[in-house]
Amino acid sequence: MIPQLKWANRREVRNIRRAIPATIRTVAILVLRLVLAPSTVLAASLVQRRLGPLRGGRLIGYPLTTAPFLLVLCLGSGPAAAAHAAAGVVAGQMAVIGFCTAYGRLATRLAPGVTVAAALGCAVVSAAAVALIGVAWLIALVVLGAIAVALATWPADDGGDVPPRTQRGWELPVRVAVSGVLVAVLSTGVPLLGPYLAGVLSTAPVILTVMAPSTHRSAGPVAAGRLVRGAMATMAASVVFVTVIAYALGPLPVVAAFALAVAGMLVTDQVTRARRPVRARVPSTP
């Protein structure tokens, strides 16, 4: 073999070997984002159907998509990028709070389509308001305070049974497909935005945008309100998880940082699991 050709082939092989891990990481991130959101919708739908909308919403509130996203980003781009993205996730959680709060208060007054449009508008305004703070731990305190206020002032629920679901055969596949498409659209611009904005986008209420109006149409506004309330009830644990990731990655090894974040999430979830008793509606005296 000609020496120049031999060395050229070796360089080409080395370049290919360097490119393969980056390609694998990119594909892994894309697969996680495309698969996990539809899987979460499917799991939450099954839980909701069996145990009710409140518990289905609690499942949505956990970081089932952001945690794998941060892990893959950490392995692919390094702990610093993942920590920066986690700070964006903390800010993005405010969008979910704005969505849940608006939907829970408007569901009994407006049609599902109008309600979800108004809730998305509140989500954008809420995320923009806290994103300007720029300090992850301070944003986390604001978000946790907002969760506490929203749950303490949640509209009264009579505690009655939700009417039987009238779910059609095509509804669940459409939920799963729509969530996958929305996540794909959001993920397209992530490489151009940087880790912080990628973290903010990763918390967009994609699953709730699919689940809430679908539940609203099939089971009524009370069920939709319970769904978004359940999601907010577990959000405090998710906020603690991503805040620990934002500050622990770098000072601690990756495994230790994620282990500490999971421990903080579980402790917070146990503390907040003592839900506020349902306030019964008392009829007014004539």
C-alpha atoms as a PDB file:
ATOM      1  CA  MET A   1       0.000   0.000   0.000  1.00  0.00           C
ATOM      2  CA  ILE A   2       1.206   3.519  -0.792  1.00  0.00           C
ATOM      3  CA  PRO A   3       2.406   5.139   2.485  1.00  0.00           C
ATOM      4  CA  GLN A   4       0.390   8.304   1.945  1.00  0.00           C
ATOM      5  CA  LEU A   5      -2.766   6.248   1.345  1.00  0.00           C
ATOM      6  CA  LYS A   6      -2.022   4.096   4.384  1.00  0.00           C
ATOM      7  CA  TRP A   7      -1.747   7.117   6.679  1.00  0.00           C
ATOM      8  CA  ALA A   8      -4.845   8.676   5.132  1.00  0.00           C
ATOM      9  CA  ASN A   9      -6.817   5.509   5.879  1.00  0.00           C
ATOM     10  CA  ARG A  10      -5.596   5.541   9.470  1.00  0.00           C
ATOM     11  CA  ARG A  11      -6.665   9.143   9.924  1.00  0.00           C
ATOM     12  CA  GLU A  12     -10.054   8.343   8.459  1.00  0.00           C
ATOM     13  CA  VAL A  13     -10.488   5.440  10.863  1.00  0.00           C
ATOM     14  CA  ARG A  14      -9.539   7.653  13.812  1.00  0.00           C
ATOM     15  CA  ASN A  15     -12.008  10.317  12.701  1.00  0.00           C
ATOM     16  CA  ILE A  16     -14.752   7.731  12.383  1.00  0.00           C
ATOM     17  CA  ARG A  17     -14.000   6.395  15.871  1.00  0.00           C
ATOM     18  CA  ARG A  18     -14.205   9.894  17.304  1.00  0.00           C
ATOM     19  CA  ALA A  19     -17.475  10.599  15.512  1.00  0.00           C
ATOM     20  CA  ILE A  20     -19.222   7.394  16.594  1.00  0.00           C
ATOM     21  CA  PRO A  21     -19.538   8.247  20.329  1.00  0.00           C
ATOM     22  CA  ALA A  22     -20.905  11.715  19.543  1.00  0.00           C
ATOM     23  CA  THR A  23     -23.416  10.197  17.133  1.00  0.00           C
ATOM     24  CA  ILE A  24     -24.442   7.600  19.698  1.00  0.00           C
ATOM     25  CA  ARG A  25     -24.937  10.294  22.325  1.00  0.00           C
ATOM     26  CA  THR A  26     -27.055  12.374  19.954  1.00  0.00           C
ATOM     27  CA  VAL A  27     -29.205   9.403  19.006  1.00  0.00           C
ATOM     28  CA  ALA A  28     -29.533   8.353  22.661  1.00  0.00           C
ATOM     29  CA  ILE A  29     -30.760  11.800  23.675  1.00  0.00           C
ATOM     30  CA  LEU A  30     -33.226  11.879  20.808  1.00  0.00           C
ATOM     31  CA  VAL A  31     -34.523   8.376  21.591  1.00  0.00           C
ATOM     32  CA  LEU A  32     -34.934   9.183  25.278  1.00  0.00           C
ATOM     33  CA  ARG A  33     -36.855  12.352  24.552  1.00  0.00           C
ATOM     34  CA  LEU A  34     -39.066  10.678  21.928  1.00  0.00           C
ATOM     35  CA  VAL A  35     -39.735   7.479  23.871  1.00  0.00           C
ATOM     36  CA  LEU A  36     -40.030   8.690  27.444  1.00  0.00           C
ATOM     37  CA  ALA A  37     -42.729  11.311  26.895  1.00  0.00           C
ATOM     38  CA  PRO A  38     -45.138   8.928  25.098  1.00  0.00           C
ATOM     39  CA  SER A  39     -44.305   6.220  27.658  1.00  0.00           C
ATOM     40  CA  THR A  40     -45.119   8.620  30.495  1.00  0.00           C
ATOM     41  CA  VAL A  41     -48.428   9.533  28.844  1.00  0.00           C
ATOM     42  CA  LEU A  42     -49.254   5.845  28.474  1.00  0.00           C
ATOM     43  CA  ALA A  43     -48.330   5.022  32.090  1.00  0.00           C
ATOM     44  CA  ALA A  44     -50.168   8.057  33.481  1.00  0.00           C
ATOM     45  CA  SER A  45     -53.247   7.197  31.402  1.00  0.00           C
ATOM     46  CA  LEU A  46     -53.302   3.647  32.757  1.00  0.00           C
ATOM     47  CA  VAL A  47     -52.774   4.851  36.332  1.00  0.00           C
ATOM     48  CA  GLN A  48     -55.465   7.486  35.877  1.00  0.00           C
ATOM     49  CA  ARG A  49     -57.894   4.940  34.490  1.00  0.00           C
ATOM     50  CA  ARG A  50     -57.302   2.540  37.381  1.00  0.00           C
ATOM     51  CA  LEU A  51     -56.647   4.823  40.372  1.00  0.00           C
ATOM     52  CA  GLY A  52     -58.149   8.148  39.353  1.00  0.00           C
ATOM     53  CA  PRO A  53     -56.886  11.429  37.881  1.00  0.00           C
ATOM     54  CA  LEU A  54     -55.203  12.646  41.089  1.00  0.00           C
ATOM     55  CA  ARG A  55     -52.734   9.742  41.182  1.00  0.00           C
ATOM     56  CA  GLY A  56     -52.260   9.902  37.424  1.00  0.00           C
ATOM     57  CA  GLY A  57     -51.271  13.531  37.814  1.00  0.00           C
ATOM     58  CA  ARG A  58     -48.834  12.684  40.611  1.00  0.00           C
ATOM     59  CA  LEU A  59     -46.990  10.388  38.218  1.00  0.00           C
ATOM     60  CA  ILE A  60     -46.697  13.201  35.660  1.00  0.00           C
ATOM     61  CA  GLY A  61     -45.189  15.512  38.279  1.00  0.00           C
ATOM     62  CA  TYR A  62     -42.065  13.381  38.769  1.00  0.00           C
ATOM     63  CA  PRO A  63     -38.956  14.129  36.632  1.00  0.00           C
ATOM     64  CA  LEU A  64     -39.480  11.103  34.409  1.00  0.00           C
ATOM     65  CA  THR A  65     -38.194  12.897  31.292  1.00  0.00           C
ATOM     66  CA  THR A  66     -35.875  15.562  32.714  1.00  0.00           C
ATOM     67  CA  ALA A  67     -33.835  13.123  34.818  1.00  0.00           C
ATOM     68  CA  PRO A  68     -32.782  10.918  31.855  1.00  0.00           C
ATOM     69  CA  PHE A  69     -32.250  14.072  29.775  1.00  0.00           C
ATOM     70  CA  LEU A  70     -29.829  15.471  32.383  1.00  0.00           C
ATOM     71  CA  LEU A  71     -28.061  12.136  32.756  1.00  0.00           C
ATOM     72  CA  VAL A  72     -27.479  11.731  29.021  1.00  0.00           C
ATOM     73  CA  LEU A  73     -26.373  15.358  28.743  1.00  0.00           C
ATOM     74  CA  CYS A  74     -23.938  14.810  31.612  1.00  0.00           C
ATOM     75  CA  LEU A  75     -22.443  11.741  29.975  1.00  0.00           C
ATOM     76  CA  GLY A  76     -22.297  13.375  26.549  1.00  0.00           C
ATOM     77  CA  SER A  77     -21.333  16.991  27.244  1.00  0.00           C
ATOM     78  CA  GLY A  78     -19.935  16.829  30.755  1.00  0.00           C
ATOM     79  CA  PRO A  79     -21.128  17.659  34.289  1.00  0.00           C
ATOM     80  CA  ALA A  80     -20.814  21.423  33.777  1.00  0.00           C
ATOM     81  CA  ALA A  81     -23.266  21.419  30.860  1.00  0.00           C
ATOM     82  CA  ALA A  82     -25.687  19.160  32.741  1.00  0.00           C
ATOM     83  CA  ALA A  83     -25.508  21.373  35.840  1.00  0.00           C
ATOM     84  CA  HIS A  84     -26.215  24.436  33.698  1.00  0.00           C
ATOM     85  CA  ALA A  85     -29.144  22.641  32.064  1.00  0.00           C
ATOM     86  CA  ALA A  86     -30.461  21.654  35.526  1.00  0.00           C
ATOM     87  CA  ALA A  87     -30.539  25.335  36.450  1.00  0.00           C
ATOM     88  CA  GLY A  88     -32.689  25.885  33.368  1.00  0.00           C
ATOM     89  CA  VAL A  89     -34.938  23.012  34.430  1.00  0.00           C
ATOM     90  CA  VAL A  90     -35.509  24.729  37.788  1.00  0.00           C
ATOM     91  CA  ALA A  91     -36.635  27.882  36.001  1.00  0.00           C
ATOM     92  CA  GLY A  92     -38.766  25.872  33.596  1.00  0.00           C
ATOM     93  CA  GLN A  93     -40.688  24.270  36.475  1.00  0.00           C
ATOM     94  CA  MET A  94     -42.433  27.608  36.951  1.00  0.00           C
ATOM     95  CA  ALA A  95     -44.066  27.122  33.567  1.00  0.00           C
ATOM     96  CA  VAL A  96     -45.666  23.899  34.807  1.00  0.00           C
ATOM     97  CA  ILE A  97     -46.925  25.684  37.926  1.00  0.00           C
ATOM     98  CA  GLY A  98     -48.451  28.445  35.810  1.00  0.00           C
ATOM     99  CA  PHE A  99     -50.092  25.855  33.561  1.00  0.00           C
ATOM    100  CA  CYS A 100     -51.521  23.772  36.413  1.00  0.00           C
ATOM    101  CA  THR A 101     -52.730  26.772  38.388  1.00  0.00           C
ATOM    102  CA  ALA A 102     -54.490  28.335  35.411  1.00  0.00           C
ATOM    103  CA  TYR A 103     -56.029  25.076  34.229  1.00  0.00           C
ATOM    104  CA  GLY A 104     -57.265  24.120  37.694  1.00  0.00           C
ATOM    105  CA  ARG A 105     -59.039  27.458  38.109  1.00  0.00           C
ATOM    106  CA  LEU A 106     -60.444  27.821  34.601  1.00  0.00           C
ATOM    107  CA  ALA A 107     -61.504  24.243  33.844  1.00  0.00           C
ATOM    108  CA  THR A 108     -64.966  24.638  35.382  1.00  0.00           C
ATOM    109  CA  ARG A 109     -65.616  27.876  33.499  1.00  0.00           C
ATOM    110  CA  LEU A 110     -64.222  27.372  30.007  1.00  0.00           C
ATOM    111  CA  ALA A 111     -64.167  24.742  27.279  1.00  0.00           C
ATOM    112  CA  PRO A 112     -61.095  22.442  27.138  1.00  0.00           C
ATOM    113  CA  GLY A 113     -59.553  24.149  24.096  1.00  0.00           C
ATOM    114  CA  VAL A 114     -59.860  27.647  25.549  1.00  0.00           C
ATOM    115  CA  THR A 115     -58.651  26.441  28.947  1.00  0.00           C
ATOM    116  CA  VAL A 116     -55.483  24.832  27.600  1.00  0.00           C
ATOM    117  CA  ALA A 117     -54.709  27.925  25.489  1.00  0.00           C
ATOM    118  CA  ALA A 118     -55.042  30.181  28.530  1.00  0.00           C
ATOM    119  CA  ALA A 119     -52.986  27.775  30.654  1.00  0.00           C
ATOM    120  CA  LEU A 120     -50.176  27.741  28.085  1.00  0.00           C
ATOM    121  CA  GLY A 121     -50.153  31.535  28.051  1.00  0.00           C
ATOM    122  CA  CYS A 122     -49.788  31.554  31.845  1.00  0.00           C
ATOM    123  CA  ALA A 123     -47.003  28.972  31.550  1.00  0.00           C
ATOM    124  CA  VAL A 124     -44.980  31.189  29.216  1.00  0.00           C
ATOM    125  CA  VAL A 125     -45.424  34.284  31.390  1.00  0.00           C
ATOM    126  CA  SER A 126     -44.526  32.369  34.569  1.00  0.00           C
ATOM    127  CA  ALA A 127     -41.343  30.877  33.098  1.00  0.00           C
ATOM    128  CA  ALA A 128     -40.233  34.241  31.689  1.00  0.00           C
ATOM    129  CA  ALA A 129     -40.738  35.931  35.060  1.00  0.00           C
ATOM    130  CA  VAL A 130     -38.422  33.626  37.017  1.00  0.00           C
ATOM    131  CA  ALA A 131     -35.893  33.044  34.230  1.00  0.00           C
ATOM    132  CA  LEU A 132     -34.690  36.614  34.747  1.00  0.00           C
ATOM    133  CA  ILE A 133     -33.582  35.825  38.325  1.00  0.00           C
ATOM    134  CA  GLY A 134     -30.627  33.764  37.113  1.00  0.00           C
ATOM    135  CA  VAL A 135     -29.736  32.100  40.456  1.00  0.00           C
ATOM    136  CA  ALA A 136     -30.853  28.468  40.643  1.00  0.00           C
ATOM    137  CA  TRP A 137     -31.341  28.198  44.412  1.00  0.00           C
ATOM    138  CA  LEU A 138     -33.285  31.470  44.523  1.00  0.00           C
ATOM    139  CA  ILE A 139     -35.476  30.331  41.627  1.00  0.00           C
ATOM    140  CA  ALA A 140     -36.055  27.059  43.486  1.00  0.00           C
ATOM    141  CA  LEU A 141     -37.257  28.953  46.569  1.00  0.00           C
ATOM    142  CA  VAL A 142     -39.622  31.031  44.433  1.00  0.00           C
ATOM    143  CA  VAL A 143     -40.952  27.903  42.708  1.00  0.00           C
ATOM    144  CA  LEU A 144     -41.472  26.029  45.986  1.00  0.00           C
ATOM    145  CA  GLY A 145     -43.254  29.049  47.435  1.00  0.00           C
ATOM    146  CA  ALA A 146     -45.491  29.253  44.390  1.00  0.00           C
ATOM    147  CA  ILE A 147     -46.368  25.557  44.739  1.00  0.00           C
ATOM    148  CA  ALA A 148     -47.265  26.013  48.409  1.00  0.00           C
ATOM    149  CA  VAL A 149     -49.466  29.046  47.703  1.00  0.00           C
ATOM    150  CA  ALA A 150     -51.179  27.398  44.732  1.00  0.00           C
ATOM    151  CA  LEU A 151     -52.024  24.225  46.678  1.00  0.00           C
ATOM    152  CA  ALA A 152     -53.161  26.159  49.757  1.00  0.00           C
ATOM    153  CA  THR A 153     -55.546  28.276  47.680  1.00  0.00           C
ATOM    154  CA  TRP A 154     -56.722  25.515  45.340  1.00  0.00           C
ATOM    155  CA  PRO A 155     -60.460  25.642  44.548  1.00  0.00           C
ATOM    156  CA  ALA A 156     -62.607  23.526  46.845  1.00  0.00           C
ATOM    157  CA  ASP A 157     -63.371  19.985  45.753  1.00  0.00           C
ATOM    158  CA  ASP A 158     -66.498  18.242  46.971  1.00  0.00           C
ATOM    159  CA  GLY A 159     -64.580  14.953  47.103  1.00  0.00           C
ATOM    160  CA  GLY A 160     -67.220  13.149  45.089  1.00  0.00           C
ATOM    161  CA  ASP A 161     -66.628  10.430  42.553  1.00  0.00           C
ATOM    162  CA  VAL A 162     -65.619  11.435  39.064  1.00  0.00           C
ATOM    163  CA  PRO A 163     -68.162  10.363  36.420  1.00  0.00           C
ATOM    164  CA  PRO A 164     -67.209   7.188  34.518  1.00  0.00           C
ATOM    165  CA  ARG A 165     -64.804   7.821  31.687  1.00  0.00           C
ATOM    166  CA  THR A 166     -66.154   7.741  28.174  1.00  0.00           C
ATOM    167  CA  GLN A 167     -62.760   7.218  26.570  1.00  0.00           C
ATOM    168  CA  ARG A 168     -62.844   6.201  22.936  1.00  0.00           C
ATOM    169  CA  GLY A 169     -60.597   3.628  21.353  1.00  0.00           C
ATOM    170  CA  TRP A 170     -58.491   6.179  19.452  1.00  0.00           C
ATOM    171  CA  GLU A 171     -57.965   8.539  22.407  1.00  0.00           C
ATOM    172  CA  LEU A 172     -54.977   6.835  24.059  1.00  0.00           C
ATOM    173  CA  PRO A 173     -52.985   6.326  20.810  1.00  0.00           C
ATOM    174  CA  VAL A 174     -53.615   9.966  19.890  1.00  0.00           C
ATOM    175  CA  ARG A 175     -52.365  11.098  23.321  1.00  0.00           C
ATOM    176  CA  VAL A 176     -49.173   9.094  22.890  1.00  0.00           C
ATOM    177  CA  ALA A 177     -48.598  10.264  19.306  1.00  0.00           C
ATOM    178  CA  VAL A 178     -49.238  13.938  20.040  1.00  0.00           C
ATOM    179  CA  SER A 179     -46.866  13.922  23.020  1.00  0.00           C
ATOM    180  CA  GLY A 180     -44.138  12.341  20.884  1.00  0.00           C
ATOM    181  CA  VAL A 181     -44.586  14.902  18.102  1.00  0.00           C
ATOM    182  CA  LEU A 182     -44.518  17.833  20.527  1.00  0.00           C
ATOM    183  CA  VAL A 183     -41.343  16.599  22.188  1.00  0.00           C
ATOM    184  CA  ALA A 184     -39.732  16.049  18.784  1.00  0.00           C
ATOM    185  CA  VAL A 185     -40.532  19.632  17.795  1.00  0.00           C
ATOM    186  CA  LEU A 186     -39.133  20.982  21.074  1.00  0.00           C
ATOM    187  CA  SER A 187     -36.006  18.841  20.824  1.00  0.00           C
ATOM    188  CA  THR A 188     -35.152  20.037  17.330  1.00  0.00           C
ATOM    189  CA  GLY A 189     -33.798  23.386  18.465  1.00  0.00           C
ATOM    190  CA  VAL A 190     -32.052  22.177  21.623  1.00  0.00           C
ATOM    191  CA  PRO A 191     -28.509  21.991  20.114  1.00  0.00           C
ATOM    192  CA  LEU A 192     -28.798  25.605  18.968  1.00  0.00           C
ATOM    193  CA  LEU A 193     -30.033  27.019  22.274  1.00  0.00           C
ATOM    194  CA  GLY A 194     -27.369  25.950  24.747  1.00  0.00           C
ATOM    195  CA  PRO A 195     -27.773  23.882  27.929  1.00  0.00           C
ATOM    196  CA  TYR A 196     -29.693  26.456  29.992  1.00  0.00           C
ATOM    197  CA  LEU A 197     -32.457  27.075  27.451  1.00  0.00           C
ATOM    198  CA  ALA A 198     -32.449  23.360  26.649  1.00  0.00           C
ATOM    199  CA  GLY A 199     -33.201  22.722  30.317  1.00  0.00           C
ATOM    200  CA  VAL A 200     -36.008  25.261  30.286  1.00  0.00           C
ATOM    201  CA  LEU A 201     -37.551  23.670  27.195  1.00  0.00           C
ATOM    202  CA  SER A 202     -37.218  20.164  28.646  1.00  0.00           C
ATOM    203  CA  THR A 203     -39.749  21.098  31.338  1.00  0.00           C
ATOM    204  CA  ALA A 204     -42.379  22.447  28.953  1.00  0.00           C
ATOM    205  CA  PRO A 205     -45.769  21.016  30.052  1.00  0.00           C
ATOM    206  CA  VAL A 206     -46.001  18.810  26.974  1.00  0.00           C
ATOM    207  CA  ILE A 207     -47.600  15.831  28.705  1.00  0.00           C
ATOM    208  CA  LEU A 208     -50.077  17.990  30.622  1.00  0.00           C
ATOM    209  CA  THR A 209     -50.973  19.797  27.405  1.00  0.00           C
ATOM    210  CA  VAL A 210     -52.091  16.411  26.066  1.00  0.00           C
ATOM    211  CA  MET A 211     -53.530  14.881  29.236  1.00  0.00           C
ATOM    212  CA  ALA A 212     -55.457  17.794  30.766  1.00  0.00           C
ATOM    213  CA  PRO A 213     -57.794  18.691  27.879  1.00  0.00           C
ATOM    214  CA  SER A 214     -58.260  15.015  27.029  1.00  0.00           C
ATOM    215  CA  THR A 215     -59.332  14.300  30.613  1.00  0.00           C
ATOM    216  CA  HIS A 216     -61.432  17.460  30.587  1.00  0.00           C
ATOM    217  CA  ARG A 217     -63.384  16.294  27.547  1.00  0.00           C
ATOM    218  CA  SER A 218     -63.836  12.668  28.600  1.00  0.00           C
ATOM    219  CA  ALA A 219     -64.341  12.909  32.374  1.00  0.00           C
ATOM    220  CA  GLY A 220     -65.236  16.534  33.047  1.00  0.00           C
ATOM    221  CA  PRO A 221     -63.592  19.606  34.610  1.00  0.00           C
ATOM    222  CA  VAL A 222     -63.384  18.129  38.125  1.00  0.00           C
ATOM    223  CA  ALA A 223     -61.257  15.227  36.877  1.00  0.00           C
ATOM    224  CA  ALA A 224     -59.021  17.607  34.904  1.00  0.00           C
ATOM    225  CA  GLY A 225     -58.584  19.761  38.011  1.00  0.00           C
ATOM    226  CA  ARG A 226     -57.566  16.743  40.053  1.00  0.00           C
ATOM    227  CA  LEU A 227     -55.082  15.720  37.371  1.00  0.00           C
ATOM    228  CA  VAL A 228     -53.213  19.041  37.363  1.00  0.00           C
ATOM    229  CA  ARG A 229     -53.417  19.275  41.154  1.00  0.00           C
ATOM    230  CA  GLY A 230     -51.803  15.847  41.446  1.00  0.00           C
ATOM    231  CA  ALA A 231     -49.009  16.936  39.103  1.00  0.00           C
ATOM    232  CA  MET A 232     -48.358  20.034  41.203  1.00  0.00           C
ATOM    233  CA  ALA A 233     -48.345  17.996  44.418  1.00  0.00           C
ATOM    234  CA  THR A 234     -45.234  16.086  43.308  1.00  0.00           C
ATOM    235  CA  MET A 235     -43.493  19.035  41.663  1.00  0.00           C
ATOM    236  CA  ALA A 236     -41.823  20.085  44.920  1.00  0.00           C
ATOM    237  CA  ALA A 237     -39.905  16.794  44.893  1.00  0.00           C
ATOM    238  CA  SER A 238     -38.909  17.372  41.265  1.00  0.00           C
ATOM    239  CA  VAL A 239     -37.687  20.902  42.053  1.00  0.00           C
ATOM    240  CA  VAL A 240     -35.485  19.570  44.856  1.00  0.00           C
ATOM    241  CA  PHE A 241     -34.116  16.877  42.523  1.00  0.00           C
ATOM    242  CA  VAL A 242     -33.000  19.267  39.778  1.00  0.00           C
ATOM    243  CA  THR A 243     -31.698  21.868  42.246  1.00  0.00           C
ATOM    244  CA  VAL A 244     -29.427  19.291  43.857  1.00  0.00           C
ATOM    245  CA  ILE A 245     -28.226  18.247  40.390  1.00  0.00           C
ATOM    246  CA  ALA A 246     -27.476  21.888  39.514  1.00  0.00           C
ATOM    247  CA  TYR A 247     -25.148  22.286  42.509  1.00  0.00           C
ATOM    248  CA  ALA A 248     -23.852  18.753  43.126  1.00  0.00           C
ATOM    249  CA  LEU A 249     -22.618  17.941  39.619  1.00  0.00           C
ATOM    250  CA  GLY A 250     -18.973  18.931  39.479  1.00  0.00           C
ATOM    251  CA  PRO A 251     -18.178  18.987  43.213  1.00  0.00           C
ATOM    252  CA  LEU A 252     -19.392  15.367  43.454  1.00  0.00           C
ATOM    253  CA  PRO A 253     -19.007  12.422  41.070  1.00  0.00           C
ATOM    254  CA  VAL A 254     -21.913  11.841  38.709  1.00  0.00           C
ATOM    255  CA  VAL A 255     -23.250   8.778  40.543  1.00  0.00           C
ATOM    256  CA  ALA A 256     -23.048  10.499  43.938  1.00  0.00           C
ATOM    257  CA  ALA A 257     -24.739  13.653  42.625  1.00  0.00           C
ATOM    258  CA  PHE A 258     -27.670  11.747  41.134  1.00  0.00           C
ATOM    259  CA  ALA A 259     -27.956   9.536  44.223  1.00  0.00           C
ATOM    260  CA  LEU A 260     -28.101  12.616  46.446  1.00  0.00           C
ATOM    261  CA  ALA A 261     -30.699  14.202  44.156  1.00  0.00           C
ATOM    262  CA  VAL A 262     -32.878  11.069  44.238  1.00  0.00           C
ATOM    263  CA  ALA A 263     -32.615  10.946  48.046  1.00  0.00           C
ATOM    264  CA  GLY A 264     -33.659  14.599  48.280  1.00  0.00           C
ATOM    265  CA  MET A 265     -36.582  13.949  45.938  1.00  0.00           C
ATOM    266  CA  LEU A 266     -37.823  10.972  47.961  1.00  0.00           C
ATOM    267  CA  VAL A 267     -37.571  12.827  51.274  1.00  0.00           C
ATOM    268  CA  THR A 268     -39.391  15.854  49.864  1.00  0.00           C
ATOM    269  CA  ASP A 269     -42.088  13.642  48.381  1.00  0.00           C
ATOM    270  CA  GLN A 270     -42.689  11.979  51.737  1.00  0.00           C
ATOM    271  CA  VAL A 271     -42.904  15.343  53.481  1.00  0.00           C
ATOM    272  CA  THR A 272     -45.379  16.761  50.958  1.00  0.00           C
ATOM    273  CA  ARG A 273     -47.418  13.560  50.626  1.00  0.00           C
ATOM    274  CA  ALA A 274     -49.543  14.574  53.604  1.00  0.00           C
ATOM    275  CA  ARG A 275     -51.973  16.317  51.317  1.00  0.00           C
ATOM    276  CA  ARG A 276     -54.289  19.056  52.419  1.00  0.00           C
ATOM    277  CA  PRO A 277     -57.679  17.597  53.344  1.00  0.00           C
ATOM    278  CA  VAL A 278     -60.337  18.053  50.700  1.00  0.00           C
ATOM    279  CA  ARG A 279     -62.634  20.901  51.616  1.00  0.00           C
ATOM    280  CA  ALA A 280     -66.243  19.980  51.254  1.00  0.00           C
ATOM    281  CA  ARG A 281     -68.626  22.370  49.648  1.00  0.00           C
ATOM    282  CA  VAL A 282     -71.097  23.538  52.292  1.00  0.00           C
ATOM    283  CA  PRO A 283     -74.417  24.686  50.900  1.00  0.00           C
ATOM    284  CA  SER A 284     -75.329  28.198  51.860  1.00  0.00           C
ATOM    285  CA  THR A 285     -78.191  28.717  54.307  1.00  0.00           C
ATOM    286  CA  PRO A 286     -81.261  30.208  52.639  1.00  0.00           C
END
